[in-house]
Protein backbone atom coordinates (compact mmCIF):
# COMPACT_ATOMS: atom_id res chain seq x y z
CA UNK A 1 10.60 -26.19 6.67
CA UNK A 2 8.95 -26.13 3.77
CA UNK A 3 5.09 -25.42 2.97
CA UNK A 4 2.60 -24.42 -0.28
CA UNK A 5 3.23 -26.60 -3.03
CA UNK A 6 3.19 -24.55 -6.54
CA UNK A 7 4.03 -26.94 -9.66
CA UNK A 8 7.50 -28.48 -9.85
CA UNK A 9 8.30 -26.37 -6.37
CA UNK A 10 7.53 -25.72 -2.25
CA UNK A 11 8.15 -22.49 -0.68
CA UNK A 12 10.70 -22.55 1.59
CA UNK A 13 10.45 -20.22 5.46
CA UNK A 14 14.33 -20.41 5.46
CA UNK A 15 14.20 -18.53 1.80
CA UNK A 16 11.54 -16.40 3.11
CA UNK A 17 13.13 -14.91 6.24
CA UNK A 18 16.37 -14.80 3.86
CA UNK A 19 14.35 -12.42 1.63
CA UNK A 20 13.06 -10.12 4.78
CA UNK A 21 16.64 -10.18 6.12
CA UNK A 22 17.83 -8.97 2.63
CA UNK A 23 15.30 -6.04 2.52
CA UNK A 24 15.55 -4.91 6.25
CA UNK A 25 19.71 -4.32 4.82
CA UNK A 26 19.00 -2.36 2.46
CA UNK A 27 16.26 -0.61 3.94
CA UNK A 28 19.30 0.46 7.48
CA UNK A 29 21.51 1.87 4.47
CA UNK A 30 18.87 3.86 1.98
CA UNK A 31 18.20 7.38 3.63
CA UNK A 32 15.79 7.98 0.39
CA UNK A 33 13.77 5.25 1.64
CA UNK A 34 13.56 6.44 5.09
CA UNK A 35 12.85 9.81 3.58
CA UNK A 36 10.39 8.64 1.43
CA UNK A 37 8.54 6.32 4.15
CA UNK A 38 8.26 8.58 7.01
CA UNK A 39 9.79 11.71 6.56
CA UNK A 40 7.75 12.64 4.29
CA UNK A 41 4.56 11.10 5.01
CA UNK A 42 5.14 13.22 8.76
CA UNK A 43 5.53 16.27 7.07
CA UNK A 44 2.16 15.68 5.13
CA UNK A 45 0.50 14.85 8.48
CA UNK A 46 1.85 17.97 9.94
CA UNK A 47 0.16 19.50 7.17
CA UNK A 48 -3.04 18.03 6.81
CA UNK A 49 -3.47 18.24 10.96
CA UNK A 50 -2.98 21.74 10.63
CA UNK A 51 -5.38 21.36 8.32
CA UNK A 52 -7.89 19.77 9.80
CA UNK A 53 -7.50 21.91 13.18
CA UNK A 54 -9.50 24.88 11.14
CA UNK A 55 -11.97 23.16 11.09
CA UNK A 56 -12.36 23.48 15.37
CA UNK A 57 -14.90 25.59 16.50
CA UNK A 58 -16.77 25.92 12.92
CA UNK A 59 -19.94 23.91 11.87
CA UNK A 60 -17.83 21.47 9.61
CA UNK A 61 -15.61 20.21 12.71
CA UNK A 62 -16.40 16.55 12.08
CA UNK A 63 -14.22 17.11 8.36
CA UNK A 64 -11.35 17.05 10.54
CA UNK A 65 -11.37 14.74 11.87
CA UNK A 66 -12.26 13.01 8.48
CA UNK A 67 -8.89 14.35 7.15
CA UNK A 68 -6.89 13.36 9.82
CA UNK A 69 -7.42 9.62 10.42
CA UNK A 70 -7.96 9.30 6.08
CA UNK A 71 -4.75 10.84 5.84
CA UNK A 72 -3.04 8.48 8.35
CA UNK A 73 -4.74 5.65 6.93
CA UNK A 74 -3.79 6.38 3.74
CA UNK A 75 -0.26 6.31 4.80
CA UNK A 76 -0.74 2.13 5.07
CA UNK A 77 -1.81 1.94 1.33
CA UNK A 78 1.09 4.17 0.35
CA UNK A 79 3.81 2.13 2.18
CA UNK A 80 1.98 -1.15 1.17
CA UNK A 81 3.08 -0.07 -2.73
CA UNK A 82 5.90 1.89 -1.94
CA UNK A 83 8.21 -0.40 -0.27
CA UNK A 84 7.09 -3.17 -2.27
CA UNK A 85 7.97 -1.37 -5.55
CA UNK A 86 10.62 0.68 -4.45
CA UNK A 87 12.26 -2.42 -2.90
CA UNK A 88 12.56 -4.25 -6.69
CA UNK A 89 13.95 -1.42 -8.39
CA UNK A 90 16.31 -1.19 -5.99
CA UNK A 91 17.35 -4.53 -6.98
CA UNK A 92 16.98 -3.83 -10.24
CA UNK A 93 19.59 -0.55 -10.51
CA UNK A 94 21.81 -2.39 -8.21
CA UNK A 95 21.87 -5.57 -10.90
CA UNK A 96 20.98 -8.34 -8.40
CA UNK A 97 17.17 -8.61 -8.83
CA UNK A 98 18.12 -11.59 -11.75
CA UNK A 99 21.11 -12.80 -9.78
CA UNK A 100 18.09 -13.62 -6.50
CA UNK A 101 15.66 -14.91 -9.03
CA UNK A 102 18.16 -17.46 -11.18
CA UNK A 103 18.66 -18.51 -6.89
CA UNK A 104 16.83 -21.08 -5.58
CA UNK A 105 14.38 -18.37 -4.30
CA UNK A 106 11.03 -18.29 -6.35
CA UNK A 107 8.97 -15.17 -7.14
CA UNK A 108 6.21 -16.02 -4.46
CA UNK A 109 8.82 -16.16 -2.17
CA UNK A 110 10.74 -13.00 -2.84
CA UNK A 111 7.05 -11.09 -2.64
CA UNK A 112 6.37 -12.61 0.39
CA UNK A 113 9.49 -11.04 2.04
CA UNK A 114 9.22 -8.04 0.41
CA UNK A 115 4.93 -8.21 1.86
CA UNK A 116 6.28 -8.72 5.42
CA UNK A 117 9.20 -5.57 4.93
CA UNK A 118 5.92 -3.52 3.63
CA UNK A 119 3.78 -4.50 6.62
CA UNK A 120 6.95 -3.54 9.00
CA UNK A 121 6.97 -0.29 6.89
CA UNK A 122 3.09 0.71 7.46
CA UNK A 123 2.28 -0.09 10.75
CA UNK A 124 5.53 2.16 11.40
CA UNK A 125 4.32 5.06 9.43
CA UNK A 126 0.83 5.10 10.54
CA UNK A 127 2.00 4.64 14.79
CA UNK A 128 4.34 8.20 13.79
CA UNK A 129 0.92 9.81 11.43
CA UNK A 130 -1.32 9.10 14.30
CA UNK A 131 1.31 10.64 16.70
CA UNK A 132 0.87 13.73 14.91
CA UNK A 133 -2.30 13.65 14.57
CA UNK A 134 -2.85 13.41 18.45
CA UNK A 135 -0.97 15.89 19.16
CA UNK A 136 -1.74 18.67 16.32
CA UNK A 137 -5.50 17.62 16.35
CA UNK A 138 -5.93 15.99 19.62
CA UNK A 139 -7.57 13.02 17.32
CA UNK A 140 -6.53 9.52 18.95
CA UNK A 141 -6.58 6.94 16.34
CA UNK A 142 -7.28 3.81 18.94
CA UNK A 143 -10.90 5.45 18.82
CA UNK A 144 -12.38 3.31 16.53
CA UNK A 145 -10.94 0.33 18.45
CA UNK A 146 -11.11 -3.03 16.80
CA UNK A 147 -12.89 -2.12 13.75
CA UNK A 148 -8.69 -0.69 13.22
CA UNK A 149 -7.40 -3.77 12.54
CA UNK A 150 -9.94 -4.51 9.71
CA UNK A 151 -9.62 -1.39 8.30
CA UNK A 152 -5.72 -1.64 8.37
CA UNK A 153 -6.13 -5.43 7.09
CA UNK A 154 -8.72 -4.08 4.22
CA UNK A 155 -6.13 -1.01 2.83
CA UNK A 156 -2.24 -2.85 3.23
CA UNK A 157 -4.28 -5.47 1.11
CA UNK A 158 -5.14 -2.82 -1.44
CA UNK A 159 -1.65 -2.03 -1.38
CA UNK A 160 -0.13 -4.44 -2.04
CA UNK A 161 -2.11 -5.35 -5.00
CA UNK A 162 -1.48 -2.12 -6.31
CA UNK A 163 1.99 -2.43 -5.96
CA UNK A 164 2.00 -6.21 -7.75
CA UNK A 165 0.48 -3.98 -10.48
CA UNK A 166 3.25 -1.57 -10.16
CA UNK A 167 5.71 -4.34 -10.71
CA UNK A 168 4.62 -6.07 -13.37
CA UNK A 169 4.43 -2.23 -16.26
CA UNK A 170 7.79 -2.31 -15.00
CA UNK A 171 8.72 -5.63 -15.98
CA UNK A 172 6.92 -4.99 -18.81
CA UNK A 173 7.70 -2.06 -19.95
CA UNK A 174 11.27 -1.78 -18.04
CA UNK A 175 12.64 1.41 -15.95
CA UNK A 176 11.17 3.76 -18.92
CA UNK A 177 8.41 3.61 -16.47
CA UNK A 178 9.90 3.14 -13.23
CA UNK A 179 8.10 6.79 -12.22
CA UNK A 180 4.99 4.65 -11.56
CA UNK A 181 6.80 3.38 -8.66
CA UNK A 182 5.89 6.27 -6.21
CA UNK A 183 2.90 8.12 -8.47
CA UNK A 184 0.92 5.40 -9.54
CA UNK A 185 -1.20 5.27 -6.47
CA UNK A 186 -1.70 8.92 -6.40
CA UNK A 187 -4.27 8.30 -9.10
CA UNK A 188 -6.16 6.32 -6.67
CA UNK A 189 -6.33 8.96 -4.07
CA UNK A 190 -8.87 11.33 -5.84
CA UNK A 191 -11.09 8.69 -6.49
CA UNK A 192 -11.14 6.50 -3.39
CA UNK A 193 -12.99 9.07 -0.53
CA UNK A 194 -10.24 9.29 1.41
CA UNK A 195 -10.81 12.28 2.84
CA UNK A 196 -14.70 13.05 1.51
CA UNK A 197 -17.38 11.34 0.93
CA UNK A 198 -18.20 10.11 -2.17
CA UNK A 199 -20.75 12.06 -2.83
CA UNK A 200 -18.47 15.17 -3.33
CA UNK A 201 -17.86 13.55 -7.00
CA UNK A 202 -18.99 14.85 -9.65
CA UNK A 203 -22.14 11.83 -10.69
CA UNK A 204 -20.29 11.51 -14.08
CA UNK A 205 -17.03 9.89 -12.41
CA UNK A 206 -18.52 8.74 -9.63
CA UNK A 207 -18.68 5.11 -10.56
CA UNK A 208 -14.94 5.05 -10.17
CA UNK A 209 -14.86 5.82 -6.73
CA UNK A 210 -17.49 2.37 -6.64
CA UNK A 211 -14.92 -0.19 -8.30
CA UNK A 212 -12.12 1.43 -5.67
CA UNK A 213 -11.94 -0.65 -2.31
CA UNK A 214 -10.61 2.33 -0.28
CA UNK A 215 -14.10 3.76 -0.89
CA UNK A 216 -16.14 1.17 0.49
CA UNK A 217 -13.18 1.29 4.18
CA UNK A 218 -13.30 4.96 4.33
CA UNK A 219 -17.01 5.48 4.26
CA UNK A 220 -17.05 3.00 6.39
CA UNK A 221 -14.59 4.55 8.75
CA UNK A 222 -16.23 7.49 8.54
CA UNK A 223 -19.46 6.07 9.23
CA UNK A 224 -18.22 5.11 12.69
CA UNK A 225 -17.02 8.22 13.19
CA UNK A 226 -20.15 10.44 12.74
CA UNK A 227 -22.30 8.29 14.75
CA UNK A 228 -20.33 5.37 15.83
CA UNK A 229 -21.76 2.42 13.38
CA UNK A 230 -19.97 -0.13 11.27
CA UNK A 231 -21.22 -0.33 7.81
CA UNK A 232 -20.44 -4.18 7.63
CA UNK A 233 -22.05 -4.55 4.13
CA UNK A 234 -19.28 -2.59 3.47
CA UNK A 235 -16.53 -3.97 4.51
CA UNK A 236 -17.88 -7.28 2.87
CA UNK A 237 -17.78 -5.41 -0.55
CA UNK A 238 -14.21 -3.88 0.12
CA UNK A 239 -12.71 -7.54 1.16
CA UNK A 240 -14.58 -9.05 -1.99
CA UNK A 241 -13.03 -6.54 -4.23
CA UNK A 242 -9.71 -6.49 -2.58
CA UNK A 243 -9.45 -10.36 -3.47
CA UNK A 244 -10.24 -10.39 -6.86
CA UNK A 245 -7.58 -6.99 -7.44
CA UNK A 246 -4.94 -9.69 -4.89
CA UNK A 247 -6.13 -12.66 -7.61
CA UNK A 248 -5.96 -10.31 -10.59
CA UNK A 249 -2.48 -8.10 -9.57
CA UNK A 250 -0.82 -11.54 -8.52
CA UNK A 251 -2.22 -13.45 -12.28
CA UNK A 252 -0.85 -10.43 -14.64
CA UNK A 253 2.28 -10.12 -12.25
CA UNK A 254 2.88 -14.02 -12.53
CA UNK A 255 2.16 -13.84 -16.52
CA UNK A 256 4.67 -10.81 -16.84
CA UNK A 257 7.49 -11.93 -15.29
CA UNK A 258 7.37 -15.25 -17.43
CA UNK A 259 6.90 -12.88 -20.81
CA UNK A 260 10.11 -10.62 -20.00
CA UNK A 261 12.07 -13.87 -19.17
CA UNK A 262 11.29 -15.62 -22.26
CA UNK A 263 11.83 -12.28 -24.31
CA UNK A 264 15.04 -11.29 -22.33
CA UNK A 265 13.63 -8.19 -21.21
CA UNK A 266 14.15 -9.18 -17.74
CA UNK A 267 17.62 -9.38 -18.10
CA UNK A 268 18.00 -6.41 -20.59
CA UNK A 269 16.43 -4.12 -17.51
CA UNK A 270 19.62 -4.05 -15.49
CA UNK A 271 21.65 -3.50 -18.60
C-alpha cells in the first residue's frame, strides 16, 4: 500500500512497518537503550518526586506538583529526541545505515518508523514515571484530563523536531558530534519553563524561553494545576512554534542528507 506522493517516489506502509520492526528488534537487544530511556528516567523521577515531597506542608506545596508534572512530561521530549537519534546512531555504529538507505526504503519512511518507535517509548516512559509520581508524591497525571492528550502531542512534536535537528548535525559533522544525541536537548530544559515559571529567569535571557514551544505548554499546565483553567492562546502559540520547528528541522535534515551523500560524508561516517 502506498501513499503521499513525493518527487519521483511513493511512501510504502509496508516499508514503514519494516522500519518499525527493525527498530523493535534492535530495542529488544539493546540494554543501553533500556537503561537510558527507562532506568535513568525512573531514577530521575524518583529523586524529583522526593524533592517535590519536601514541599508538602509548606506554603510552596503547589511547586511540588509543578516539579513532578514537569519531570513526567519532560520525558516525552527526551524520549522522542533520544529514541530517534540513537536509533540512527546504532545503524551508523553497526555500518548498516547506508545499506538501509540504498534500498527502496526512503529517508521519510525510515524517519516515520523511528517516530513510531519513539512514540511507543515515550508513552511507556510516561507510564513508568507517572506511576512513580503517584506512589511517592500522590500526584495523578490523569487529573489534567483531556488536555493531557494535547500536551503529549505538542511535547512529542517538539522532541521529534529536536531529533531531526540533531540528526542533521550528525550527518553534517559525522560521529564527532554524536554526543549531541543525548546532551543537546538538555540545553532546552533551563529555558523551556519545565519546572518553574518563565518569570524565574533573568529578564536578559527570558526571550529565549518565548521561542521554545515547551514554555507555552508547561505554563499552560501550571495554570491548569493552579486554578483549573487552560490557556488556549498559549496552546495555539506552542502549536505554531512546533509547526515552524518541524518544517525547519525536516528541510534542514533533507538538505543535509542530500549534501552529505554528494560530498561522500555520508559514506565516510561508517568508515
